[in-house]
Protein backbone atom coordinates (compact mmCIF):
# COMPACT_ATOMS: atom_id res chain seq x y z
CA MET A 1 50.37 38.75 125.62
CA PRO A 2 46.85 40.09 125.95
CA ILE A 3 44.17 37.25 125.57
CA GLU A 4 41.12 37.90 123.53
CA ILE A 5 37.98 36.64 124.83
CA LEU A 6 35.37 35.63 122.08
CA MET A 7 31.44 35.41 121.93
CA PRO A 8 30.36 31.74 122.93
CA ALA A 9 28.25 29.49 120.92
CA LEU A 10 25.77 28.20 123.28
CA SER A 11 23.76 25.65 121.05
CA PRO A 12 25.05 23.82 117.59
CA THR A 13 22.79 26.70 115.28
CA MET A 14 23.96 29.78 117.32
CA GLU A 15 25.16 32.29 115.30
CA GLU A 16 24.74 35.53 117.29
CA GLY A 17 23.35 36.53 120.50
CA THR A 18 22.60 39.19 123.11
CA LEU A 19 25.63 40.18 125.84
CA ALA A 20 22.89 40.62 128.43
CA LYS A 21 24.92 41.39 131.41
CA TRP A 22 28.58 41.86 132.15
CA LEU A 23 29.60 39.75 135.66
CA VAL A 24 32.88 41.48 135.97
CA LYS A 25 34.29 45.26 135.36
CA GLU A 26 37.51 46.69 133.53
CA GLY A 27 40.45 46.16 136.18
CA ASP A 28 38.78 43.00 137.90
CA THR A 29 41.15 39.94 138.94
CA VAL A 30 39.56 36.46 137.34
CA SER A 31 40.43 33.17 137.47
CA SER A 32 39.80 29.99 135.47
CA GLY A 33 36.28 29.11 136.22
CA ASP A 34 34.89 32.85 137.63
CA LEU A 35 31.50 33.86 135.82
CA LEU A 36 32.26 36.64 133.56
CA ALA A 37 28.91 37.41 131.69
CA GLU A 38 25.19 36.22 130.64
CA ILE A 39 24.63 35.37 127.14
CA GLU A 40 21.09 35.42 125.85
CA THR A 41 19.93 33.26 122.66
CA ASP A 42 16.81 33.34 121.40
CA LYS A 43 15.95 30.72 123.70
CA ALA A 44 17.91 30.81 126.95
CA THR A 45 20.08 33.13 129.00
CA MET A 46 23.57 31.28 130.13
CA GLU A 47 26.43 32.38 132.16
CA PHE A 48 29.67 31.74 130.53
CA GLU A 49 33.31 31.71 132.43
CA ALA A 50 36.79 32.35 132.14
CA VAL A 51 39.26 29.62 131.29
CA GLU A 52 42.34 31.72 132.01
CA ASP A 53 43.50 33.70 135.04
CA GLY A 54 44.16 37.49 134.34
CA VAL A 55 42.61 40.88 134.76
CA VAL A 56 39.92 42.44 132.60
CA GLY A 57 41.71 44.85 130.57
CA LYS A 58 39.26 46.33 128.16
CA ILE A 59 35.44 45.58 127.58
CA LEU A 60 34.95 45.74 123.90
CA VAL A 61 30.79 44.89 123.62
CA PRO A 62 28.81 46.67 126.23
CA GLU A 63 26.08 44.89 128.09
CA GLY A 64 22.91 45.21 126.35
CA SER A 65 24.35 44.59 122.50
CA GLU A 66 22.25 42.52 120.39
CA GLY A 67 23.35 40.64 117.43
CA VAL A 68 26.61 40.00 118.73
CA GLN A 69 28.36 37.56 116.30
CA VAL A 70 29.66 33.91 117.39
CA ASN A 71 33.60 34.12 118.03
CA ALA A 72 33.37 38.03 117.85
CA VAL A 73 36.04 39.56 120.28
CA ILE A 74 34.16 40.83 123.25
CA ALA A 75 36.56 41.72 125.78
CA ILE A 76 40.47 41.35 126.57
CA LEU A 77 42.01 39.66 129.30
CA LEU A 78 45.40 41.08 130.58
CA GLU A 79 48.10 38.65 132.08
CA ASP A 80 50.62 38.85 134.43
CA GLY A 81 52.75 42.11 134.04
CA GLU A 82 50.53 43.51 131.24
CA SER A 83 48.76 46.66 131.16
CA ALA A 84 46.07 48.56 129.15
CA ASP A 85 49.07 49.77 127.00
CA ASP A 86 49.54 46.41 125.67
CA ILE A 87 45.68 46.18 124.39
CA GLY A 88 46.87 48.35 121.70
CA SER A 89 43.93 49.17 118.97
CA ALA A 90 42.44 45.96 119.57
CA ALA A 91 38.66 45.58 118.57
CA PRO A 92 36.03 43.32 117.84
CA ALA A 93 36.26 41.25 115.03
CA ALA A 94 33.30 39.21 113.61
CA ALA A 95 34.32 35.44 113.26
CA PRO A 96 33.50 33.74 109.98
CA ALA A 97 30.05 33.03 109.10
CA ALA A 98 30.68 29.32 108.96
CA ALA A 99 32.27 28.97 112.64
CA PRO A 100 30.80 25.76 114.17
CA ALA A 101 29.22 26.06 117.51
CA GLU A 102 31.38 24.81 120.68
CA ALA A 103 30.60 25.19 124.19
CA PRO A 104 30.11 28.25 126.02
CA LYS A 105 34.04 29.16 127.09
CA ALA A 106 36.09 31.83 126.47
CA GLN A 107 38.95 30.91 123.86
CA LYS A 108 42.59 31.77 124.68
CA THR A 109 44.20 33.77 121.29
CA PRO A 110 46.81 36.49 120.98
CA ALA A 111 44.95 39.63 120.32
CA SER A 112 47.36 40.47 117.55
CA SER A 113 47.38 37.04 116.06
CA ALA A 114 46.21 36.75 112.43
CA PRO A 115 42.72 35.68 112.20
CA ALA A 116 41.85 31.65 112.25
CA PRO A 117 41.57 29.93 109.06
CA SER A 118 38.18 29.24 107.69
CA ALA A 119 36.14 26.45 108.72
CA PRO A 120 38.19 23.51 106.63
CA VAL A 121 36.45 20.75 104.66
CA SER A 122 37.60 16.97 104.19
CA SER A 123 38.40 15.46 101.01
CA ASP A 124 34.85 14.32 100.04
CA GLY A 125 33.61 17.95 100.38
CA ASN A 126 32.15 17.24 104.23
CA ARG A 127 32.73 20.21 106.65
CA ILE A 128 35.50 19.57 109.56
CA PHE A 129 34.08 20.77 112.78
CA ALA A 130 37.00 22.65 114.62
CA SER A 131 37.39 25.48 116.98
CA PRO A 132 39.27 28.66 115.47
CA LEU A 133 41.80 28.11 117.96
CA ALA A 134 42.38 24.72 117.00
CA ARG A 135 42.44 25.64 113.40
CA ARG A 136 45.07 28.23 114.11
CA ILE A 137 47.49 25.79 115.75
CA ALA A 138 46.77 22.88 113.09
CA ALA A 139 47.74 25.33 110.45
CA ASP A 140 50.86 26.59 112.55
CA LYS A 141 52.27 22.68 113.02
CA GLY A 142 51.34 21.37 109.64
CA ILE A 143 48.85 18.94 111.10
CA ASP A 144 45.55 17.95 108.54
CA LEU A 145 42.63 18.11 110.87
CA ALA A 146 41.05 15.64 108.58
CA THR A 147 43.20 13.16 110.36
CA LEU A 148 41.91 13.97 113.70
CA LYS A 149 38.90 12.73 115.86
CA GLY A 150 37.60 15.46 118.08
CA SER A 151 37.21 15.33 121.85
CA GLY A 152 34.69 18.41 122.19
CA PRO A 153 31.07 18.75 121.81
CA ARG A 154 29.43 16.45 118.79
CA GLY A 155 33.02 15.57 117.99
CA ARG A 156 34.14 18.80 117.20
CA ILE A 157 38.17 19.17 117.03
CA VAL A 158 39.51 21.19 119.94
CA LYS A 159 42.94 22.75 121.09
CA ALA A 160 44.12 19.61 123.03
CA ASP A 161 43.26 17.44 120.05
CA VAL A 162 45.76 19.31 117.96
CA GLU A 163 48.25 20.04 120.59
CA GLY A 164 48.36 16.12 121.38
CA ALA A 165 48.72 15.28 117.89
CA SER A 166 52.12 14.77 116.26
CA ALA A 167 53.26 17.48 113.43
CA ALA A 168 53.28 16.03 109.70
CA PRO A 169 52.44 17.58 106.45
CA ALA A 170 48.72 18.11 105.53
CA ALA A 171 47.25 15.75 103.16
CA ALA A 172 46.61 17.09 99.92
CA LYS A 173 44.19 20.14 99.96
CA ALA A 174 40.44 19.48 98.41
CA PRO A 175 39.92 21.48 95.11
CA ALA A 176 40.07 25.41 95.31
CA SER A 177 36.06 25.02 94.19
CA VAL A 178 35.39 23.32 97.40
CA SER A 179 34.47 25.65 100.23
CA ALA A 180 33.05 25.61 103.68
CA ALA A 181 29.28 24.92 103.98
CA PRO A 182 27.55 28.08 104.45
CA ALA A 183 26.18 28.91 107.58
CA ALA A 184 22.81 27.51 108.28
CA LYS A 185 20.17 30.94 107.22
CA THR A 186 17.22 31.68 109.58
CA ALA A 187 14.04 30.95 108.06
CA PRO A 188 12.27 33.81 106.44
CA MET A 189 9.74 35.98 108.33
CA ALA A 190 6.07 35.69 108.12
CA SER A 191 4.71 36.95 104.92
CA GLY A 192 2.79 39.76 104.76
CA PRO A 193 3.11 43.59 104.30
CA GLU A 194 6.44 45.37 104.73
CA ALA A 195 6.77 47.18 108.10
CA ASP A 196 6.46 50.87 106.44
CA THR A 197 3.68 49.64 104.96
CA VAL A 198 1.76 48.61 108.08
CA LEU A 199 3.39 51.68 109.82
CA ARG A 200 1.37 53.86 107.07
CA MET A 201 -1.89 52.10 107.65
CA TYR A 202 -2.39 52.59 111.31
CA ALA A 203 -0.58 55.94 111.09
CA ASP A 204 -3.46 57.99 112.66
CA ARG A 205 -3.99 55.03 115.31
CA ASP A 206 -2.87 55.30 118.87
CA PHE A 207 -0.60 52.07 119.27
CA GLU A 208 2.90 50.65 121.09
CA GLU A 209 5.43 49.40 118.82
CA VAL A 210 6.86 46.28 120.08
CA ALA A 211 10.36 45.04 119.13
CA LEU A 212 10.71 41.39 118.20
CA ASP A 213 13.41 39.80 120.43
CA GLY A 214 15.09 36.94 119.56
CA MET A 215 12.81 34.39 120.72
CA ARG A 216 9.76 35.86 119.00
CA LYS A 217 11.65 36.06 115.37
CA THR A 218 12.56 32.48 116.14
CA ILE A 219 8.88 31.15 116.56
CA ALA A 220 7.66 33.50 113.60
CA ALA A 221 10.30 31.93 111.17
CA ARG A 222 9.76 28.34 112.87
CA LEU A 223 6.34 28.38 112.71
CA THR A 224 6.02 30.03 109.37
CA GLU A 225 8.30 27.23 107.66
CA ALA A 226 6.59 24.53 109.64
CA LYS A 227 2.86 25.59 108.00
CA GLN A 228 4.56 25.99 104.61
CA SER A 229 6.69 23.18 104.21
CA ILE A 230 5.12 20.28 106.30
CA PRO A 231 1.96 18.57 104.80
CA HIS A 232 -0.37 18.39 108.28
CA PHE A 233 -3.29 16.44 108.77
CA TYR A 234 -5.27 16.23 111.59
CA LEU A 235 -6.86 13.22 113.51
CA ARG A 236 -9.22 14.24 116.55
CA ARG A 237 -10.86 11.84 119.31
CA ASP A 238 -12.73 12.32 122.50
CA ILE A 239 -11.28 10.36 125.52
CA LYS A 240 -13.25 9.48 128.69
CA LEU A 241 -11.37 10.72 131.97
CA ASP A 242 -13.25 9.20 134.62
CA ALA A 243 -11.05 6.29 135.14
CA LEU A 244 -7.75 7.98 135.11
CA LEU A 245 -9.26 11.04 137.33
CA ALA A 246 -10.22 8.33 139.85
CA PHE A 247 -6.79 6.53 139.80
CA ARG A 248 -5.07 9.67 139.76
CA SER A 249 -6.79 10.89 143.15
CA GLN A 250 -5.87 7.44 144.80
CA LEU A 251 -2.25 7.78 143.62
CA ASN A 252 -1.83 11.40 144.95
CA LYS A 253 -3.48 10.33 148.39
CA GLN A 254 -0.56 7.48 148.27
CA LEU A 255 2.12 10.08 147.25
CA GLU A 256 1.27 12.73 149.76
CA LYS A 257 3.58 11.66 152.29
CA ARG A 258 6.34 11.98 149.68
CA GLY A 259 5.20 15.75 148.69
CA ALA A 260 4.20 14.39 145.09
CA LYS A 261 1.39 15.09 143.39
CA LEU A 262 0.52 13.67 139.81
CA SER A 263 -0.86 15.94 137.26
CA VAL A 264 -3.23 14.77 134.29
CA ASN A 265 -0.55 15.93 132.06
CA ASP A 266 1.88 13.61 133.85
CA PHE A 267 -0.57 10.65 132.54
CA ILE A 268 -0.87 12.08 129.27
CA ILE A 269 3.10 12.14 128.98
CA LYS A 270 3.50 8.50 129.71
CA ALA A 271 0.56 7.37 127.79
CA CYS A 272 2.08 9.19 124.71
CA ALA A 273 5.50 7.68 125.19
CA LEU A 274 3.87 4.31 125.74
CA ALA A 275 2.26 4.84 122.68
CA LEU A 276 5.27 5.60 120.62
CA GLN A 277 6.62 2.32 121.78
CA GLU A 278 3.39 0.24 120.91
CA VAL A 279 3.30 1.70 117.34
CA PRO A 280 6.97 2.35 116.86
CA ASP A 281 6.69 3.14 113.24
CA ALA A 282 5.32 6.38 114.35
CA ASN A 283 8.15 7.51 116.72
CA ALA A 284 9.67 9.23 113.65
CA VAL A 285 11.09 12.46 112.60
CA TRP A 286 11.52 13.99 109.18
CA ALA A 287 15.35 14.28 108.23
CA SER A 288 15.03 15.92 104.71
CA ASP A 289 15.84 13.47 102.51
CA ARG A 290 15.10 10.27 105.21
CA ILE A 291 12.97 9.39 108.08
CA LEU A 292 15.00 8.41 111.47
CA LYS A 293 12.93 5.91 113.44
CA LEU A 294 13.79 6.50 117.50
CA LYS A 295 14.02 3.65 119.63
CA PRO A 296 13.51 5.60 123.00
CA SER A 297 9.93 7.88 123.61
CA ASP A 298 11.91 11.28 123.86
CA VAL A 299 8.49 13.29 124.77
CA ALA A 300 8.60 17.10 124.25
CA VAL A 301 6.06 19.26 126.28
CA ALA A 302 5.34 22.78 125.29
CA VAL A 303 5.69 25.52 128.26
CA ALA A 304 4.48 29.10 128.14
CA ILE A 305 6.47 31.61 128.94
CA GLU A 306 6.69 35.46 128.92
CA GLY A 307 6.96 36.32 125.41
CA GLY A 308 7.20 32.90 123.73
CA LEU A 309 7.63 29.23 124.56
CA PHE A 310 9.73 26.23 125.05
CA THR A 311 9.28 22.42 124.51
CA PRO A 312 11.71 21.23 126.94
CA VAL A 313 12.27 17.05 126.11
CA LEU A 314 11.88 14.45 128.30
CA LYS A 315 13.98 11.67 127.20
CA ASP A 316 13.46 7.67 127.50
CA ALA A 317 9.88 8.87 128.97
CA GLU A 318 8.71 5.08 128.52
CA MET A 319 11.02 4.04 131.27
CA LYS A 320 10.32 6.71 133.81
CA SER A 321 7.49 6.11 136.60
CA LEU A 322 4.67 8.83 136.45
CA SER A 323 6.13 10.37 139.73
CA ALA A 324 9.64 10.64 137.86
CA LEU A 325 8.41 12.32 134.94
CA SER A 326 6.09 14.83 137.40
CA ALA A 327 9.06 15.77 139.08
CA GLU A 328 11.05 16.09 136.04
CA MET A 329 8.46 18.12 134.05
CA LYS A 330 7.95 20.63 137.26
CA ASP A 331 11.96 21.47 136.90
CA LEU A 332 11.74 21.80 133.56
CA ALA A 333 8.73 24.10 133.15
CA ALA A 334 10.38 26.19 136.29
CA ARG A 335 13.99 26.69 134.34
CA ALA A 336 12.11 27.14 131.27
CA ARG A 337 10.41 30.25 132.84
CA ASP A 338 13.53 31.10 133.94
CA ARG A 339 15.29 30.76 130.59
CA LYS A 340 17.66 28.54 132.10
CA LEU A 341 17.37 25.42 130.01
CA ALA A 342 20.46 24.41 128.29
CA PRO A 343 20.21 23.24 124.67
CA HIS A 344 19.82 19.86 124.86
CA GLU A 345 17.10 19.84 127.38
CA TYR A 346 14.71 21.32 124.71
CA GLN A 347 16.30 19.98 121.36
CA GLY A 348 15.16 16.52 120.10
CA GLY A 349 12.48 14.53 120.56
CA SER A 350 10.15 12.85 118.04
CA PHE A 351 6.60 13.92 119.42
CA ALA A 352 5.34 17.11 121.22
CA ILE A 353 2.17 17.63 123.58
CA SER A 354 0.33 20.90 123.72
CA ASN A 355 -1.89 21.23 126.26
CA LEU A 356 -4.37 24.38 126.56
CA GLY A 357 -6.88 22.74 128.65
CA MET A 358 -5.74 24.74 131.91
CA PHE A 359 -7.13 27.66 129.93
CA GLY A 360 -10.72 25.92 129.22
CA ILE A 361 -10.00 25.25 125.61
CA ASP A 362 -11.87 22.70 124.07
CA ASN A 363 -9.89 21.96 121.12
CA PHE A 364 -7.31 23.01 119.02
CA ASP A 365 -4.95 22.26 116.25
CA ALA A 366 -1.05 22.45 117.03
CA VAL A 367 1.45 23.29 114.67
CA ILE A 368 4.12 20.60 114.45
CA ASN A 369 7.35 21.44 115.67
CA PRO A 370 10.11 20.14 113.19
CA PRO A 371 11.46 17.48 112.78
CA HIS A 372 8.80 16.09 114.91
CA GLY A 373 6.35 13.85 113.41
CA ALA A 374 3.49 14.59 115.24
CA ILE A 375 2.08 16.87 118.29
CA LEU A 376 -0.89 16.23 120.43
CA ALA A 377 -3.15 19.31 121.18
CA VAL A 378 -5.19 18.85 124.35
CA GLY A 379 -8.53 20.54 125.43
CA ALA A 380 -10.32 20.69 128.67
CA GLY A 381 -11.95 17.97 130.24
CA ALA A 382 -15.73 18.78 130.69
CA LYS A 383 -18.67 16.62 131.76
CA LYS A 384 -20.84 15.62 128.92
CA PRO A 385 -23.66 13.09 127.85
CA VAL A 386 -22.43 9.81 126.36
CA PHE A 387 -23.69 6.57 125.69
CA ASP A 388 -22.57 3.48 127.81
CA GLU A 389 -22.22 0.20 126.56
CA ASP A 390 -25.54 -0.76 127.10
CA GLY A 391 -26.89 2.04 124.85
CA GLN A 392 -27.92 4.40 127.93
CA ILE A 393 -26.88 8.05 128.13
CA SER A 394 -24.93 8.79 131.17
CA VAL A 395 -22.54 11.45 132.04
CA ALA A 396 -18.65 11.36 131.50
CA THR A 397 -15.76 13.67 132.16
CA VAL A 398 -14.84 13.82 128.23
CA MET A 399 -11.13 15.35 127.16
CA SER A 400 -11.02 16.39 123.09
CA VAL A 401 -7.42 15.78 121.42
CA THR A 402 -6.27 16.51 118.02
CA LEU A 403 -3.18 14.60 116.81
CA SER A 404 -1.36 16.85 114.05
CA VAL A 405 0.75 14.81 111.83
CA ASP A 406 3.55 15.25 109.29
CA HIS A 407 2.46 12.89 106.49
CA ARG A 408 5.53 12.66 105.04
CA VAL A 409 6.45 10.99 108.22
CA ILE A 410 3.22 9.16 109.21
CA ASP A 411 0.50 8.19 107.27
CA GLY A 412 -3.47 8.32 108.10
CA ALA A 413 -3.78 4.62 109.25
CA LEU A 414 -0.55 4.79 111.20
CA GLY A 415 -1.39 8.13 112.99
CA ALA A 416 -4.93 6.76 113.62
CA GLN A 417 -3.06 3.55 115.32
CA LEU A 418 -0.97 5.98 117.60
CA LEU A 419 -3.79 8.04 118.42
CA GLN A 420 -5.89 4.92 119.55
CA SER A 421 -3.02 3.89 121.48
CA ILE A 422 -3.06 7.17 123.42
CA VAL A 423 -6.54 6.81 124.20
CA ASP A 424 -6.37 3.40 125.45
CA ASN A 425 -3.57 4.29 127.91
CA LEU A 426 -5.56 7.28 129.30
CA GLU A 427 -8.90 5.23 129.53
CA ASN A 428 -7.07 2.32 130.88
CA PRO A 429 -4.40 4.27 133.41
CA MET A 430 -3.58 1.20 135.55
CA ALA A 431 -2.39 -0.56 132.75
CA MET A 432 0.38 2.25 132.32
CA LEU A 433 1.98 0.70 135.43
CA ALA A 434 2.09 -2.93 134.22
């Protein structure tokens, strides 16, 4: 029977994506593990592969198609002995909006079978995460999904979990009034005049209209939400960098034979990671009705790419050496610019760093990336007159930083302690190696 190839979910929040490129064509023979297509989300371009052997019978969604819903049928795979005549009138079928995310794999489902049951809920109203195929098999076998433990990503119930379970009558269903949780909605776009109003305003001017891609839409929505919903406050400090610059030069000479070179940003990452350990109450995120205090220092670093930015996360940064942080950051930044990061590499963290010093920016205020508790905006280091301990004027390399803080998570005094710890680490860099 023909096999439907479905639009994969590449992250837990993905609802739709762009089918950027087909890597196969109709008539091609494919084996399990062969790459089928490149899928773009708002953040990344990822390849996804076949999980079944067969022949590509029909491509239903052309490459370049935007807004393809997760679990929509994008192609039909034929098994041995089947021909294009067996496909019938197969056409893309949008998946239920509440379908949860799963790993980027095609799912095997008979093209003529009925749609998978809608996302189930447990007796207490909590949604049960299961793939459409797992739900269909469970319904056929009379298995209550609430009795199973999922082995898929984030505990999701997948085909193997259901096939390995014994058939049994399903437990009493939840009341009809309990329905699946609605799909997460994208935050509203930035407020302002309607597009038609703006177009009329500039009708007599020469301009180029630039359509918003998925990344730019997400940036607009998330930052609008952040500025409207997060009570930001800002703490500013100047940091003397002379000791750090001298220490960095000394280390780089020793690392030269290993082909490694530390940047000032590597020291900033390490300083922030250690500061989060020294002020643990500030190593926290906002979770709607509670605060989560993290144990490790997972530090996100903003990386500018064409058309937007990524914030890859350096996990357990407090445990890593400067050279390890440097190598990891270079790798993440390179893959971010190629949009090759996996979702788990740019999601999470409790704290972020945005450094515009290399562009000559003296100081700025960064917008917090929810659910983070804070973000450090880093400006350029510059020679400035300062007073030394004896009250004499001297010249030092000074870098201005601003800590943007979510007041729901971190109060003023706690934020000041965190920033003081960052300053101490950067002005006494040797201590970071202790």
